């Protein structure tokens, strides 16, 4: 099992096996998916949107 409850539930419902592979954080993992280095990841919406759209939501 993956180790994160929502991912475990999804994998069981879909009838697939997923494996946890540690990564350097959510942002770099999304970047790796967008760059074709990984097939999929789970992430927060904010982390994924920033990388997918190039948005900069900083206060500076």
N, C-alpha and C. Protein backbone atom coordinates (compact mmCIF):
# COMPACT_ATOMS: atom_id res chain seq x y z
N UNK A 1 0.82 -1.18 0.00
CA UNK A 1 0.00 0.00 0.00
C UNK A 1 0.87 1.25 0.00
N UNK A 2 0.33 2.33 -0.45
CA UNK A 2 1.05 3.59 -0.64
C UNK A 2 1.39 4.26 0.68
N UNK A 3 0.51 4.23 1.65
CA UNK A 3 0.80 4.86 2.92
C UNK A 3 0.02 6.13 3.19
N UNK A 4 -0.66 6.67 2.20
CA UNK A 4 -1.52 7.82 2.38
C UNK A 4 -2.95 7.35 2.13
N UNK A 5 -3.80 7.56 3.10
CA UNK A 5 -5.13 6.96 3.08
C UNK A 5 -5.90 7.23 1.80
N UNK A 6 -5.95 8.48 1.32
CA UNK A 6 -6.75 8.78 0.13
C UNK A 6 -6.18 8.08 -1.11
N UNK A 7 -4.88 7.92 -1.17
CA UNK A 7 -4.27 7.22 -2.31
C UNK A 7 -4.54 5.73 -2.20
N UNK A 8 -4.47 5.18 -0.98
CA UNK A 8 -4.80 3.76 -0.79
C UNK A 8 -6.23 3.46 -1.20
N UNK A 9 -7.16 4.33 -0.83
CA UNK A 9 -8.57 4.13 -1.18
C UNK A 9 -8.76 4.21 -2.69
N UNK A 10 -8.14 5.20 -3.33
CA UNK A 10 -8.23 5.33 -4.78
C UNK A 10 -7.68 4.08 -5.48
N UNK A 11 -6.50 3.63 -5.08
CA UNK A 11 -5.87 2.48 -5.72
C UNK A 11 -6.73 1.23 -5.56
N UNK A 12 -7.28 1.04 -4.37
CA UNK A 12 -8.14 -0.13 -4.14
C UNK A 12 -9.41 -0.06 -4.99
N UNK A 13 -10.04 1.10 -5.06
CA UNK A 13 -11.26 1.26 -5.85
C UNK A 13 -10.98 1.09 -7.34
N UNK A 14 -9.82 1.54 -7.80
CA UNK A 14 -9.46 1.44 -9.22
C UNK A 14 -8.89 0.07 -9.57
N UNK A 15 -8.57 -0.73 -8.56
CA UNK A 15 -8.02 -2.05 -8.82
C UNK A 15 -6.58 -1.99 -9.34
N UNK A 16 -5.82 -1.01 -8.89
CA UNK A 16 -4.44 -0.86 -9.34
C UNK A 16 -3.50 -0.88 -8.15
N UNK A 17 -2.23 -1.13 -8.42
CA UNK A 17 -1.20 -1.05 -7.39
C UNK A 17 -0.41 0.22 -7.58
N UNK A 18 -0.18 0.92 -6.48
CA UNK A 18 0.64 2.12 -6.51
C UNK A 18 1.72 1.96 -5.45
N UNK A 19 2.89 2.49 -5.73
CA UNK A 19 4.00 2.37 -4.80
C UNK A 19 4.48 3.75 -4.41
N UNK A 20 4.84 3.89 -3.14
CA UNK A 20 5.37 5.16 -2.65
C UNK A 20 6.85 5.26 -3.00
N UNK A 21 7.21 6.30 -3.68
CA UNK A 21 8.61 6.58 -3.99
C UNK A 21 8.92 7.95 -3.40
N UNK A 22 9.77 8.01 -2.38
CA UNK A 22 10.07 9.30 -1.76
C UNK A 22 10.65 10.29 -2.77
N UNK A 23 10.25 11.54 -2.64
CA UNK A 23 10.73 12.58 -3.54
C UNK A 23 11.11 13.79 -2.71
N UNK A 24 11.66 14.83 -3.32
CA UNK A 24 12.16 16.00 -2.60
C UNK A 24 11.08 16.98 -2.20
N UNK A 25 9.84 16.64 -2.36
CA UNK A 25 8.74 17.53 -1.99
C UNK A 25 7.68 17.56 -3.08
N UNK A 26 6.54 18.15 -2.76
CA UNK A 26 5.43 18.20 -3.70
C UNK A 26 5.73 19.00 -4.95
N UNK A 27 6.35 20.15 -4.78
CA UNK A 27 6.66 20.99 -5.94
C UNK A 27 7.59 20.31 -6.93
N UNK A 28 8.74 19.79 -6.47
CA UNK A 28 9.63 19.09 -7.38
C UNK A 28 8.99 17.84 -8.00
N UNK A 29 8.10 17.18 -7.27
CA UNK A 29 7.43 16.00 -7.82
C UNK A 29 6.51 16.39 -8.97
N UNK A 30 5.75 17.48 -8.81
CA UNK A 30 4.88 17.96 -9.89
C UNK A 30 5.73 18.37 -11.10
N UNK A 31 6.83 19.05 -10.84
CA UNK A 31 7.73 19.45 -11.92
C UNK A 31 8.26 18.23 -12.66
N UNK A 32 8.57 17.15 -11.94
CA UNK A 32 9.06 15.92 -12.56
C UNK A 32 7.99 15.28 -13.44
N UNK A 33 6.74 15.33 -13.01
CA UNK A 33 5.64 14.79 -13.83
C UNK A 33 5.49 15.63 -15.10
N UNK A 34 5.48 16.96 -14.94
CA UNK A 34 5.33 17.83 -16.10
C UNK A 34 6.50 17.67 -17.07
N UNK A 35 7.69 17.33 -16.55
CA UNK A 35 8.87 17.14 -17.38
C UNK A 35 9.02 15.73 -17.92
N UNK A 36 8.09 14.83 -17.59
CA UNK A 36 8.12 13.48 -18.12
C UNK A 36 9.05 12.53 -17.37
N UNK A 37 9.55 12.93 -16.19
CA UNK A 37 10.44 12.07 -15.42
C UNK A 37 9.67 11.06 -14.58
N UNK A 38 8.40 11.35 -14.28
CA UNK A 38 7.52 10.45 -13.54
C UNK A 38 6.18 10.42 -14.24
N UNK A 39 5.44 9.35 -14.05
CA UNK A 39 4.14 9.22 -14.71
C UNK A 39 3.03 9.95 -13.96
N UNK A 40 3.08 9.93 -12.63
CA UNK A 40 2.01 10.55 -11.84
C UNK A 40 2.50 10.82 -10.44
N UNK A 41 1.78 11.70 -9.77
CA UNK A 41 2.05 12.00 -8.37
C UNK A 41 0.76 12.48 -7.72
N UNK A 42 0.74 12.54 -6.41
CA UNK A 42 -0.35 13.21 -5.71
C UNK A 42 0.23 14.50 -5.15
N UNK A 43 -0.57 15.53 -5.13
CA UNK A 43 -0.07 16.83 -4.70
C UNK A 43 -1.23 17.69 -4.24
N UNK A 44 -0.90 18.80 -3.63
CA UNK A 44 -1.94 19.77 -3.28
C UNK A 44 -2.31 20.55 -4.54
N UNK A 45 -3.48 21.10 -4.57
CA UNK A 45 -3.93 21.87 -5.73
C UNK A 45 -3.02 23.08 -5.94
N UNK A 46 -2.67 23.76 -4.87
CA UNK A 46 -1.83 24.95 -5.00
C UNK A 46 -0.47 24.65 -5.60
N UNK A 47 0.16 23.58 -5.14
CA UNK A 47 1.47 23.21 -5.66
C UNK A 47 1.40 22.85 -7.14
N UNK A 48 0.36 22.12 -7.51
CA UNK A 48 0.21 21.72 -8.91
C UNK A 48 -0.11 22.92 -9.81
N UNK A 49 -0.98 23.82 -9.36
CA UNK A 49 -1.36 24.97 -10.19
C UNK A 49 -0.20 25.91 -10.43
N UNK A 50 0.61 26.14 -9.41
CA UNK A 50 1.75 27.03 -9.57
C UNK A 50 2.68 26.51 -10.65
N UNK A 51 2.95 25.22 -10.64
CA UNK A 51 3.87 24.65 -11.62
C UNK A 51 3.23 24.51 -13.01
N UNK A 52 1.96 24.18 -13.05
CA UNK A 52 1.29 23.97 -14.34
C UNK A 52 1.03 25.28 -15.07
N UNK A 53 0.78 26.36 -14.31
CA UNK A 53 0.42 27.63 -14.94
C UNK A 53 1.56 28.64 -14.93
N UNK A 54 2.58 28.39 -14.14
CA UNK A 54 3.68 29.34 -14.02
C UNK A 54 3.31 30.55 -13.17
N UNK A 55 2.22 30.44 -12.43
CA UNK A 55 1.76 31.55 -11.60
C UNK A 55 2.75 31.84 -10.47
N UNK A 56 2.84 33.08 -10.10
CA UNK A 56 3.68 33.49 -8.98
C UNK A 56 2.77 34.21 -7.99
N UNK A 57 2.42 33.54 -6.91
CA UNK A 57 1.49 34.10 -5.95
C UNK A 57 2.20 34.65 -4.71
N UNK A 58 3.45 35.00 -4.83
CA UNK A 58 4.18 35.52 -3.68
C UNK A 58 3.74 36.96 -3.42
N UNK A 59 4.01 37.43 -2.24
CA UNK A 59 3.64 38.79 -1.85
C UNK A 59 4.67 39.82 -2.25
N UNK A 60 5.77 39.39 -2.83
CA UNK A 60 6.83 40.35 -3.17
C UNK A 60 6.60 41.00 -4.50
